[in-house]
């Protein structure tokens, strides 16, 4: 299986997503900053719901 890593950085915030081409493999999400960090493996079948929830949350913010 081929693994892909996506990274985003803004100031001291570092976001990383790691996934492979396996249909059953979870997707790793890591969000780290100087103050705190969060890491989770998300089941692929839940990604659509997570995306909808994040999109809904950002629609109330005029900066998005």
C-alpha atoms as a PDB file:
ATOM      1  CA  UNK A   1       0.000   0.000   0.000  1.00  0.00           C
ATOM      2  CA  UNK A   2       1.146   3.501  -0.759  1.00  0.00           C
ATOM      3  CA  UNK A   3       1.041   6.008   2.096  1.00  0.00           C
ATOM      4  CA  UNK A   4       0.360   9.715   1.527  1.00  0.00           C
ATOM      5  CA  UNK A   5       1.141  12.509   3.971  1.00  0.00           C
ATOM      6  CA  UNK A   6      -0.422  15.968   3.712  1.00  0.00           C
ATOM      7  CA  UNK A   7       0.858  18.827   5.853  1.00  0.00           C
ATOM      8  CA  UNK A   8      -0.331  22.335   6.620  1.00  0.00           C
ATOM      9  CA  UNK A   9       1.401  24.859   8.843  1.00  0.00           C
ATOM     10  CA  UNK A  10       0.323  28.288  10.074  1.00  0.00           C
ATOM     11  CA  UNK A  11       2.436  29.916  12.735  1.00  0.00           C
ATOM     12  CA  UNK A  12       2.944  27.350  15.488  1.00  0.00           C
ATOM     13  CA  UNK A  13       0.012  25.199  14.280  1.00  0.00           C
ATOM     14  CA  UNK A  14       0.941  22.040  12.398  1.00  0.00           C
ATOM     15  CA  UNK A  15      -1.777  19.861  10.831  1.00  0.00           C
ATOM     16  CA  UNK A  16      -0.954  16.486   9.358  1.00  0.00           C
ATOM     17  CA  UNK A  17      -3.144  13.924   7.552  1.00  0.00           C
ATOM     18  CA  UNK A  18      -1.759  10.489   6.739  1.00  0.00           C
ATOM     19  CA  UNK A  19      -3.611   7.876   4.713  1.00  0.00           C
ATOM     20  CA  UNK A  20      -2.954   4.970   2.407  1.00  0.00           C
ATOM     21  CA  UNK A  21      -4.770   3.526  -0.572  1.00  0.00           C
ATOM     22  CA  UNK A  22      -6.376   0.753   1.470  1.00  0.00           C
ATOM     23  CA  UNK A  23     -10.160   1.106   1.492  1.00  0.00           C
ATOM     24  CA  UNK A  24     -10.469  -0.068   5.107  1.00  0.00           C
ATOM     25  CA  UNK A  25      -7.552   1.821   6.628  1.00  0.00           C
ATOM     26  CA  UNK A  26      -8.364   4.710   8.983  1.00  0.00           C
ATOM     27  CA  UNK A  27      -7.162   8.217   8.252  1.00  0.00           C
ATOM     28  CA  UNK A  28      -4.766   9.762  10.770  1.00  0.00           C
ATOM     29  CA  UNK A  29      -5.329  13.399  11.738  1.00  0.00           C
ATOM     30  CA  UNK A  30      -2.839  15.233  13.927  1.00  0.00           C
ATOM     31  CA  UNK A  31      -3.145  18.855  15.027  1.00  0.00           C
ATOM     32  CA  UNK A  32      -0.271  20.238  17.084  1.00  0.00           C
ATOM     33  CA  UNK A  33       0.611  23.659  18.444  1.00  0.00           C
ATOM     34  CA  UNK A  34       2.968  25.034  21.063  1.00  0.00           C
ATOM     35  CA  UNK A  35       0.153  24.832  23.638  1.00  0.00           C
ATOM     36  CA  UNK A  36      -1.688  21.596  22.863  1.00  0.00           C
ATOM     37  CA  UNK A  37      -1.978  18.649  20.505  1.00  0.00           C
ATOM     38  CA  UNK A  38      -4.662  16.310  19.236  1.00  0.00           C
ATOM     39  CA  UNK A  39      -4.277  13.053  17.352  1.00  0.00           C
ATOM     40  CA  UNK A  40      -6.970  10.674  16.134  1.00  0.00           C
ATOM     41  CA  UNK A  41      -7.548   7.902  13.624  1.00  0.00           C
ATOM     42  CA  UNK A  42     -10.820   8.487  11.793  1.00  0.00           C
ATOM     43  CA  UNK A  43     -12.729   5.627  10.199  1.00  0.00           C
ATOM     44  CA  UNK A  44     -13.175   6.329   6.484  1.00  0.00           C
ATOM     45  CA  UNK A  45     -16.943   5.862   6.668  1.00  0.00           C
ATOM     46  CA  UNK A  46     -17.137   8.809   9.105  1.00  0.00           C
ATOM     47  CA  UNK A  47     -15.159  11.304   7.002  1.00  0.00           C
ATOM     48  CA  UNK A  48     -18.258  12.614   5.190  1.00  0.00           C
ATOM     49  CA  UNK A  49     -19.987  13.415   8.475  1.00  0.00           C
ATOM     50  CA  UNK A  50     -16.859  15.079   9.906  1.00  0.00           C
ATOM     51  CA  UNK A  51     -16.511  17.168   6.745  1.00  0.00           C
ATOM     52  CA  UNK A  52     -20.156  18.300   6.875  1.00  0.00           C
ATOM     53  CA  UNK A  53     -19.861  19.236  10.550  1.00  0.00           C
ATOM     54  CA  UNK A  54     -16.659  21.248  10.022  1.00  0.00           C
ATOM     55  CA  UNK A  55     -18.119  22.969   6.956  1.00  0.00           C
ATOM     56  CA  UNK A  56     -21.239  23.890   8.932  1.00  0.00           C
ATOM     57  CA  UNK A  57     -19.099  25.326  11.732  1.00  0.00           C
ATOM     58  CA  UNK A  58     -17.072  27.479   9.324  1.00  0.00           C
ATOM     59  CA  UNK A  59     -20.119  28.863   7.506  1.00  0.00           C
ATOM     60  CA  UNK A  60     -20.866  31.063  10.507  1.00  0.00           C
ATOM     61  CA  UNK A  61     -17.378  32.607  10.330  1.00  0.00           C
ATOM     62  CA  UNK A  62     -16.969  35.322   7.635  1.00  0.00           C
ATOM     63  CA  UNK A  63     -13.219  34.550   7.431  1.00  0.00           C
ATOM     64  CA  UNK A  64     -13.882  31.231   5.632  1.00  0.00           C
END
